[in-house]
Amino acid sequence: MSGHVNVDNFVRAETHRMFADIQLAAGGVGKFRHNREPASIDEQTVIRLNRDTLYSFAIVDLAEPAVLTRPDAGER
């Protein structure tokens, strides 16, 4: 998708671009992208990304209910 971006639609356009990048990296809607290592400085998605945090991202279609299931972490 391309179009003219201006001050009035920048936020929407940037959100669309970020969501598209996350979907591509995760393999589609409703799938997680797990970053197993801290992001390198040149791969940060936002300025000042926490350098000691592992991130997971997903774009979820909420037209229907969604359920998030996580494994038992045991004693951690």
N, C-alpha and C. Protein backbone atom coordinates (compact mmCIF):
# COMPACT_ATOMS: atom_id res chain seq x y z
N MET A 1 0.84 -1.18 0.00
CA MET A 1 0.00 0.00 0.00
C MET A 1 0.89 1.24 0.00
N SER A 2 0.58 2.15 -0.84
CA SER A 2 1.32 3.41 -0.83
C SER A 2 0.34 4.56 -0.92
N GLY A 3 0.77 5.69 -0.51
CA GLY A 3 -0.07 6.88 -0.56
C GLY A 3 0.70 8.06 -0.02
N HIS A 4 0.10 9.20 -0.12
CA HIS A 4 0.72 10.43 0.35
C HIS A 4 0.58 10.52 1.86
N VAL A 5 1.69 10.68 2.55
CA VAL A 5 1.68 10.83 4.01
C VAL A 5 1.94 12.29 4.34
N ASN A 6 1.11 12.82 5.23
CA ASN A 6 1.28 14.21 5.65
C ASN A 6 1.06 14.29 7.16
N VAL A 7 1.08 15.48 7.69
CA VAL A 7 0.94 15.66 9.12
C VAL A 7 -0.41 15.15 9.64
N ASP A 8 -1.42 15.15 8.80
CA ASP A 8 -2.75 14.72 9.23
C ASP A 8 -2.89 13.20 9.31
N ASN A 9 -2.12 12.46 8.52
CA ASN A 9 -2.29 11.00 8.52
C ASN A 9 -1.02 10.25 8.89
N PHE A 10 0.00 10.96 9.36
CA PHE A 10 1.27 10.31 9.67
C PHE A 10 1.12 9.21 10.72
N VAL A 11 0.41 9.47 11.80
CA VAL A 11 0.28 8.49 12.88
C VAL A 11 -0.35 7.21 12.35
N ARG A 12 -1.41 7.33 11.57
CA ARG A 12 -2.07 6.15 11.01
C ARG A 12 -1.14 5.42 10.04
N ALA A 13 -0.43 6.16 9.19
CA ALA A 13 0.47 5.55 8.22
C ALA A 13 1.62 4.82 8.91
N GLU A 14 2.19 5.43 9.93
CA GLU A 14 3.30 4.79 10.66
C GLU A 14 2.82 3.55 11.40
N THR A 15 1.64 3.61 12.00
CA THR A 15 1.08 2.43 12.67
C THR A 15 0.85 1.31 11.66
N HIS A 16 0.31 1.64 10.50
CA HIS A 16 0.08 0.64 9.45
C HIS A 16 1.41 -0.01 9.04
N ARG A 17 2.45 0.80 8.88
CA ARG A 17 3.76 0.27 8.49
C ARG A 17 4.32 -0.65 9.57
N MET A 18 4.22 -0.24 10.83
CA MET A 18 4.73 -1.06 11.93
C MET A 18 3.96 -2.38 12.03
N PHE A 19 2.63 -2.32 11.92
CA PHE A 19 1.83 -3.54 11.98
C PHE A 19 2.18 -4.48 10.83
N ALA A 20 2.37 -3.94 9.64
CA ALA A 20 2.73 -4.76 8.48
C ALA A 20 4.08 -5.44 8.71
N ASP A 21 5.05 -4.72 9.25
CA ASP A 21 6.37 -5.29 9.53
C ASP A 21 6.27 -6.41 10.56
N ILE A 22 5.48 -6.21 11.62
CA ILE A 22 5.32 -7.23 12.65
C ILE A 22 4.65 -8.47 12.08
N GLN A 23 3.58 -8.28 11.30
CA GLN A 23 2.90 -9.42 10.68
C GLN A 23 3.85 -10.21 9.79
N LEU A 24 4.64 -9.53 9.00
CA LEU A 24 5.58 -10.19 8.10
C LEU A 24 6.60 -11.00 8.90
N ALA A 25 7.16 -10.41 9.94
CA ALA A 25 8.16 -11.09 10.76
C ALA A 25 7.57 -12.28 11.52
N ALA A 26 6.30 -12.17 11.93
CA ALA A 26 5.66 -13.23 12.71
C ALA A 26 5.09 -14.34 11.84
N GLY A 27 4.86 -14.06 10.59
CA GLY A 27 4.26 -15.07 9.71
C GLY A 27 2.76 -14.93 9.57
N GLY A 28 2.21 -13.77 9.93
CA GLY A 28 0.78 -13.53 9.73
C GLY A 28 0.09 -12.98 10.96
N VAL A 29 -1.20 -12.78 10.81
CA VAL A 29 -2.04 -12.27 11.91
C VAL A 29 -2.27 -13.39 12.92
N GLY A 30 -2.22 -13.05 14.19
CA GLY A 30 -2.48 -14.02 15.24
C GLY A 30 -1.29 -14.88 15.60
N LYS A 31 -0.11 -14.55 15.09
CA LYS A 31 1.11 -15.30 15.40
C LYS A 31 2.11 -14.37 16.05
N PHE A 32 2.87 -14.91 16.99
CA PHE A 32 3.85 -14.11 17.71
C PHE A 32 5.20 -14.09 17.01
N ARG A 33 5.87 -12.98 17.13
CA ARG A 33 7.28 -12.84 16.78
C ARG A 33 8.00 -12.70 18.11
N HIS A 34 8.83 -13.67 18.45
CA HIS A 34 9.59 -13.64 19.69
C HIS A 34 11.03 -13.24 19.39
N ASN A 35 11.47 -12.17 19.99
CA ASN A 35 12.87 -11.76 19.87
C ASN A 35 13.63 -12.45 21.00
N ARG A 36 14.50 -13.38 20.64
CA ARG A 36 15.21 -14.21 21.63
C ARG A 36 16.46 -13.55 22.18
N GLU A 37 16.85 -12.43 21.60
CA GLU A 37 18.01 -11.67 22.07
C GLU A 37 17.63 -10.19 22.12
N PRO A 38 18.32 -9.42 22.96
CA PRO A 38 18.05 -7.98 22.95
C PRO A 38 18.30 -7.40 21.56
N ALA A 39 17.51 -6.42 21.19
CA ALA A 39 17.65 -5.80 19.87
C ALA A 39 18.96 -5.04 19.79
N SER A 40 19.65 -5.19 18.67
CA SER A 40 20.85 -4.39 18.47
C SER A 40 20.44 -2.94 18.24
N ILE A 41 21.34 -2.04 18.47
CA ILE A 41 21.02 -0.61 18.37
C ILE A 41 20.50 -0.26 16.98
N ASP A 42 21.03 -0.88 15.93
CA ASP A 42 20.60 -0.54 14.58
C ASP A 42 19.30 -1.24 14.16
N GLU A 43 18.73 -2.09 15.04
CA GLU A 43 17.47 -2.77 14.73
C GLU A 43 16.34 -2.38 15.67
N GLN A 44 16.50 -1.31 16.42
CA GLN A 44 15.46 -0.88 17.35
C GLN A 44 14.24 -0.39 16.58
N THR A 45 13.07 -0.79 17.05
CA THR A 45 11.83 -0.34 16.41
C THR A 45 11.38 1.01 16.93
N VAL A 46 11.85 1.37 18.11
CA VAL A 46 11.55 2.68 18.69
C VAL A 46 12.83 3.26 19.29
N ILE A 47 12.86 4.55 19.46
CA ILE A 47 14.02 5.18 20.10
C ILE A 47 14.06 4.76 21.56
N ARG A 48 15.24 4.45 22.03
CA ARG A 48 15.46 4.06 23.43
C ARG A 48 14.75 2.77 23.80
N LEU A 49 14.79 1.78 22.96
CA LEU A 49 14.26 0.45 23.29
C LEU A 49 15.04 -0.08 24.50
N ASN A 50 14.37 -0.72 25.43
CA ASN A 50 15.05 -1.28 26.60
C ASN A 50 16.06 -2.32 26.14
N ARG A 51 17.31 -2.13 26.45
CA ARG A 51 18.37 -3.02 25.97
C ARG A 51 18.50 -4.29 26.81
N ASP A 52 17.77 -4.38 27.93
CA ASP A 52 17.85 -5.56 28.78
C ASP A 52 16.53 -6.33 28.79
N THR A 53 15.73 -6.16 27.75
CA THR A 53 14.40 -6.77 27.69
C THR A 53 14.25 -7.58 26.41
N LEU A 54 13.68 -8.77 26.53
CA LEU A 54 13.32 -9.57 25.37
C LEU A 54 11.86 -9.28 25.05
N TYR A 55 11.57 -9.03 23.78
CA TYR A 55 10.23 -8.62 23.38
C TYR A 55 9.56 -9.68 22.52
N SER A 56 8.25 -9.77 22.64
CA SER A 56 7.41 -10.55 21.74
C SER A 56 6.31 -9.64 21.22
N PHE A 57 5.97 -9.80 19.95
CA PHE A 57 4.97 -8.96 19.31
C PHE A 57 3.97 -9.83 18.58
N ALA A 58 2.72 -9.39 18.51
CA ALA A 58 1.70 -10.06 17.70
C ALA A 58 0.64 -9.04 17.30
N ILE A 59 0.12 -9.21 16.11
CA ILE A 59 -1.04 -8.45 15.65
C ILE A 59 -2.21 -9.42 15.69
N VAL A 60 -3.24 -9.07 16.44
CA VAL A 60 -4.37 -9.98 16.67
C VAL A 60 -5.64 -9.36 16.12
N ASP A 61 -6.40 -10.13 15.36
CA ASP A 61 -7.69 -9.69 14.83
C ASP A 61 -8.73 -9.87 15.92
N LEU A 62 -9.25 -8.77 16.44
CA LEU A 62 -10.22 -8.84 17.53
C LEU A 62 -11.66 -8.75 17.05
N ALA A 63 -11.89 -9.09 15.77
CA ALA A 63 -13.27 -9.18 15.28
C ALA A 63 -13.99 -10.31 16.00
N GLU A 64 -13.21 -11.29 16.48
CA GLU A 64 -13.73 -12.39 17.29
C GLU A 64 -12.87 -12.44 18.55
N PRO A 65 -13.38 -13.09 19.61
CA PRO A 65 -12.58 -13.19 20.83
C PRO A 65 -11.24 -13.88 20.56
N ALA A 66 -10.22 -13.45 21.27
CA ALA A 66 -8.90 -14.06 21.17
C ALA A 66 -8.51 -14.59 22.55
N VAL A 67 -7.81 -15.70 22.57
CA VAL A 67 -7.36 -16.31 23.82
C VAL A 67 -5.84 -16.39 23.78
N LEU A 68 -5.21 -15.90 24.82
CA LEU A 68 -3.77 -15.98 24.96
C LEU A 68 -3.46 -17.06 25.97
N THR A 69 -2.72 -18.07 25.55
CA THR A 69 -2.35 -19.18 26.43
C THR A 69 -0.84 -19.16 26.61
N ARG A 70 -0.41 -19.25 27.82
CA ARG A 70 1.04 -19.27 28.06
C ARG A 70 1.40 -20.56 28.79
N PRO A 71 2.59 -21.07 28.55
CA PRO A 71 3.00 -22.29 29.24
C PRO A 71 3.29 -22.02 30.71
N ASP A 72 3.21 -23.07 31.52
CA ASP A 72 3.55 -22.97 32.93
C ASP A 72 5.04 -22.64 33.05
N ALA A 73 5.37 -21.62 33.80
CA ALA A 73 6.76 -21.20 33.96
C ALA A 73 7.47 -21.98 35.05
N GLY A 74 6.78 -22.87 35.70
CA GLY A 74 7.41 -23.67 36.74
C GLY A 74 7.82 -22.82 37.92
N GLU A 75 9.03 -23.03 38.40
CA GLU A 75 9.55 -22.33 39.57
C GLU A 75 10.18 -20.98 39.25
N ARG A 76 10.13 -20.55 37.99
CA ARG A 76 10.77 -19.28 37.64
C ARG A 76 10.01 -18.12 38.20
